[in-house]
Protein backbone atom coordinates (compact mmCIF):
# COMPACT_ATOMS: atom_id res chain seq x y z
CA MET A 1 117.47 23.96 -50.93
CA ASN A 2 115.35 23.76 -54.10
CA LEU A 3 114.85 20.11 -55.02
CA ASP A 4 113.79 18.79 -58.40
CA LYS A 5 110.74 16.63 -59.05
CA ALA A 6 110.40 13.33 -60.86
CA ILE A 7 107.88 11.03 -62.42
CA PHE A 8 108.96 7.47 -61.72
CA LEU A 9 107.71 4.88 -64.18
CA ASP A 10 107.63 1.14 -63.88
CA ARG A 11 108.74 -0.49 -67.13
CA ASP A 12 106.86 -3.72 -67.88
CA GLY A 13 103.11 -3.18 -68.19
CA VAL A 14 103.49 0.62 -68.09
CA LEU A 15 105.84 1.49 -70.97
CA ASN A 16 106.06 -1.88 -72.69
CA GLN A 17 103.75 -4.85 -72.89
CA SER A 18 103.84 -7.53 -70.23
CA TYR A 19 102.93 -11.10 -71.03
CA ILE A 20 100.07 -12.44 -68.94
CA VAL A 21 99.94 -16.05 -67.74
CA ASN A 22 97.05 -17.04 -65.44
CA GLY A 23 96.42 -13.40 -64.53
CA LYS A 24 100.06 -12.74 -63.60
CA PRO A 25 102.29 -10.37 -65.63
CA PHE A 26 105.75 -11.34 -66.88
CA ALA A 27 108.48 -9.28 -68.53
CA PRO A 28 109.58 -10.07 -72.08
CA ARG A 29 112.73 -12.21 -72.19
CA LYS A 30 113.78 -11.59 -75.79
CA LEU A 31 114.54 -8.26 -77.44
CA ASN A 32 112.18 -9.20 -80.30
CA ASP A 33 109.34 -9.54 -77.75
CA PHE A 34 109.92 -6.04 -76.31
CA LYS A 35 106.91 -4.04 -77.59
CA PHE A 36 105.80 -0.62 -76.40
CA VAL A 37 102.25 -0.12 -75.14
CA ASP A 38 99.84 1.85 -77.32
CA ASP A 39 100.25 5.63 -77.27
CA VAL A 40 103.37 5.55 -75.07
CA GLU A 41 105.14 8.22 -77.14
CA ASN A 42 102.25 10.68 -76.77
CA ALA A 43 102.08 9.96 -73.05
CA ILE A 44 105.80 10.62 -72.67
CA LYS A 45 105.43 13.94 -74.54
CA ILE A 46 102.79 14.95 -72.00
CA LEU A 47 105.02 13.90 -69.10
CA LYS A 48 108.05 15.73 -70.56
CA SER A 49 105.99 18.92 -70.74
CA THR A 50 105.88 18.96 -66.92
CA GLY A 51 109.62 19.60 -66.64
CA TYR A 52 109.95 16.71 -64.18
CA TYR A 53 112.67 14.08 -64.49
CA LEU A 54 111.36 10.88 -66.11
CA ILE A 55 112.97 7.90 -64.40
CA VAL A 56 112.22 4.23 -64.94
CA VAL A 57 112.41 2.01 -61.84
CA THR A 58 112.12 -1.66 -62.72
CA ASN A 59 112.53 -5.04 -61.06
CA GLN A 60 114.13 -7.58 -63.42
CA PRO A 61 114.42 -10.75 -61.29
CA ASP A 62 114.72 -13.00 -64.35
CA VAL A 63 118.40 -11.99 -64.42
CA GLY A 64 118.95 -12.94 -60.77
CA ASN A 65 116.98 -16.13 -61.32
CA GLY A 66 119.19 -17.09 -64.28
CA LEU A 67 116.34 -16.96 -66.82
CA MET A 68 117.83 -14.20 -68.98
CA LYS A 69 121.07 -12.31 -69.41
CA LYS A 70 121.61 -8.80 -68.07
CA GLU A 71 122.73 -7.71 -71.55
CA ILE A 72 119.25 -8.40 -72.95
CA VAL A 73 117.62 -6.22 -70.28
CA GLU A 74 120.19 -3.50 -71.00
CA SER A 75 119.40 -3.70 -74.73
CA MET A 76 115.69 -3.30 -73.96
CA ASN A 77 116.43 -0.36 -71.68
CA ASN A 78 118.69 1.27 -74.30
CA LEU A 79 115.92 0.93 -76.89
CA MET A 80 113.46 2.47 -74.45
CA MET A 81 115.82 5.34 -73.55
CA THR A 82 116.58 6.09 -77.21
CA ARG A 83 113.00 5.95 -78.44
CA LEU A 84 111.36 7.71 -75.49
CA GLY A 85 114.13 10.06 -74.38
CA LEU A 86 113.86 9.29 -70.67
CA ASP A 87 116.28 10.73 -68.11
CA ALA A 88 117.38 7.58 -66.29
CA VAL A 89 116.71 3.89 -65.73
CA LYS A 90 117.20 2.18 -62.37
CA VAL A 91 117.14 -1.61 -62.38
CA CYS A 92 117.03 -4.19 -59.61
CA TYR A 93 118.47 -7.41 -61.03
CA HIS A 94 118.14 -9.36 -57.79
CA SER A 95 116.09 -12.49 -57.33
CA GLN A 96 113.07 -12.25 -55.04
CA LYS A 97 115.01 -14.40 -52.54
CA ASP A 98 117.87 -11.88 -52.22
CA GLU A 99 115.86 -9.55 -49.95
CA CYS A 100 117.74 -6.51 -51.28
CA ASP A 101 116.82 -2.90 -50.55
CA CYS A 102 116.34 -1.95 -54.19
CA ARG A 103 113.61 -4.41 -55.19
CA LYS A 104 110.14 -2.91 -55.15
CA PRO A 105 108.08 -2.81 -52.96
CA LYS A 106 111.12 -1.46 -51.11
CA PRO A 107 111.94 2.11 -52.17
CA GLY A 108 115.69 1.72 -52.77
CA MET A 109 115.67 2.82 -56.42
CA LEU A 110 113.55 5.86 -55.56
CA LEU A 111 115.82 6.83 -52.67
CA GLU A 112 118.94 6.38 -54.81
CA SER A 113 117.46 8.60 -57.53
CA SER A 114 116.58 11.21 -54.92
CA ARG A 115 120.14 11.26 -53.57
CA GLU A 116 121.78 11.32 -57.01
CA LEU A 117 119.56 13.95 -58.64
CA GLY A 118 118.27 15.96 -55.68
CA ILE A 119 114.66 14.88 -56.08
CA ASP A 120 111.91 15.82 -53.65
CA LEU A 121 110.03 12.54 -53.41
CA LYS A 122 107.01 14.12 -51.73
CA GLU A 123 106.54 16.35 -54.78
CA SER A 124 107.04 13.47 -57.23
CA PHE A 125 104.85 10.83 -58.88
CA LEU A 126 105.10 7.10 -59.42
CA ILE A 127 103.21 5.22 -62.14
CA GLY A 128 103.03 1.44 -61.81
CA ASP A 129 100.89 -1.55 -62.70
CA ARG A 130 101.55 -3.76 -59.69
CA LYS A 131 100.93 -3.51 -55.97
CA GLY A 132 104.67 -3.41 -55.23
CA ASP A 133 105.11 -0.30 -57.39
CA ILE A 134 102.43 1.57 -55.48
CA VAL A 135 103.73 0.43 -52.08
CA ALA A 136 107.24 1.67 -52.98
CA GLY A 137 105.95 5.05 -54.12
CA LYS A 138 103.65 5.58 -51.16
CA SER A 139 106.39 4.60 -48.68
CA VAL A 140 108.43 7.67 -49.68
CA GLY A 141 105.50 10.04 -50.16
CA CYS A 142 105.11 9.96 -53.95
CA TYR A 143 101.68 10.55 -55.45
CA SER A 144 101.11 7.05 -56.83
CA ILE A 145 99.10 6.13 -59.91
CA PHE A 146 98.05 2.55 -60.56
CA ILE A 147 97.53 1.41 -64.14
CA ASP A 148 94.91 -1.29 -63.95
CA ASN A 149 95.87 -3.87 -66.57
CA GLY A 150 93.38 -6.42 -65.22
CA TYR A 151 95.91 -8.66 -63.46
CA SER A 152 94.88 -11.03 -60.67
CA LYS A 153 93.54 -9.50 -57.47
CA SER A 154 96.85 -10.10 -55.66
CA GLU A 155 98.37 -7.34 -57.82
CA GLN A 156 95.65 -4.79 -57.00
CA PRO A 157 96.80 -2.09 -54.54
CA SER A 158 94.38 -0.49 -52.15
CA THR A 159 96.41 2.67 -51.57
CA ALA A 160 96.85 4.23 -55.03
CA ASP A 161 96.06 7.93 -55.25
CA PHE A 162 94.59 7.48 -58.74
CA VAL A 163 93.69 4.54 -60.97
CA ALA A 164 94.21 4.83 -64.73
CA SER A 165 93.50 2.43 -67.56
CA ASN A 166 96.74 3.25 -69.44
CA ILE A 167 99.86 5.42 -69.49
CA LYS A 168 98.18 8.21 -71.51
CA GLU A 169 95.38 8.55 -68.95
CA ALA A 170 97.97 8.60 -66.15
CA ALA A 171 99.99 11.29 -67.96
CA SER A 172 96.90 13.44 -68.58
CA HIS A 173 95.94 13.11 -64.91
CA ILE A 174 99.40 14.27 -63.77
CA LEU A 175 99.29 17.26 -66.11
CA SER A 176 95.85 18.30 -64.83
CA TYR A 177 96.91 17.65 -61.21
CA ILE A 178 99.94 19.98 -61.33
CA THR A 179 98.40 22.79 -63.41
């Protein structure tokens, strides 16, 4: 069976700007605050050239915690999908307390994507800016790239396969890695 490959992307801090408070990143809560990171469109062009699926996997606990409405997250995701032309978005809306299987660092969204699209996770990549992203990717065999946005040390993974300073550097690394 010939399986497809994917590049999984965290959303906040990778594709769009996070808001930093005391060294900890937070997702935007208003559509007007949803701003893409610099050079994201060029990075996505590089990633699309690989022929891999581009799938966003994002935790959005503010919905489960009652701090924002699901419709706002969906509007942000629709904007992202339209502007960047990604293949899919997987979202965990659960609160941290729910102990669900989809919330990173658990690999539920990656496993679901694999089942739905026939993705070989061991031939795929994950790009994230938090420890939980990297743990999720590594747990299913993805080559995992950490974007170091300078968050507090508690967000720094020790197991990333590569460390990049931004999405464009991560995309260039993937392209050079597979060619």
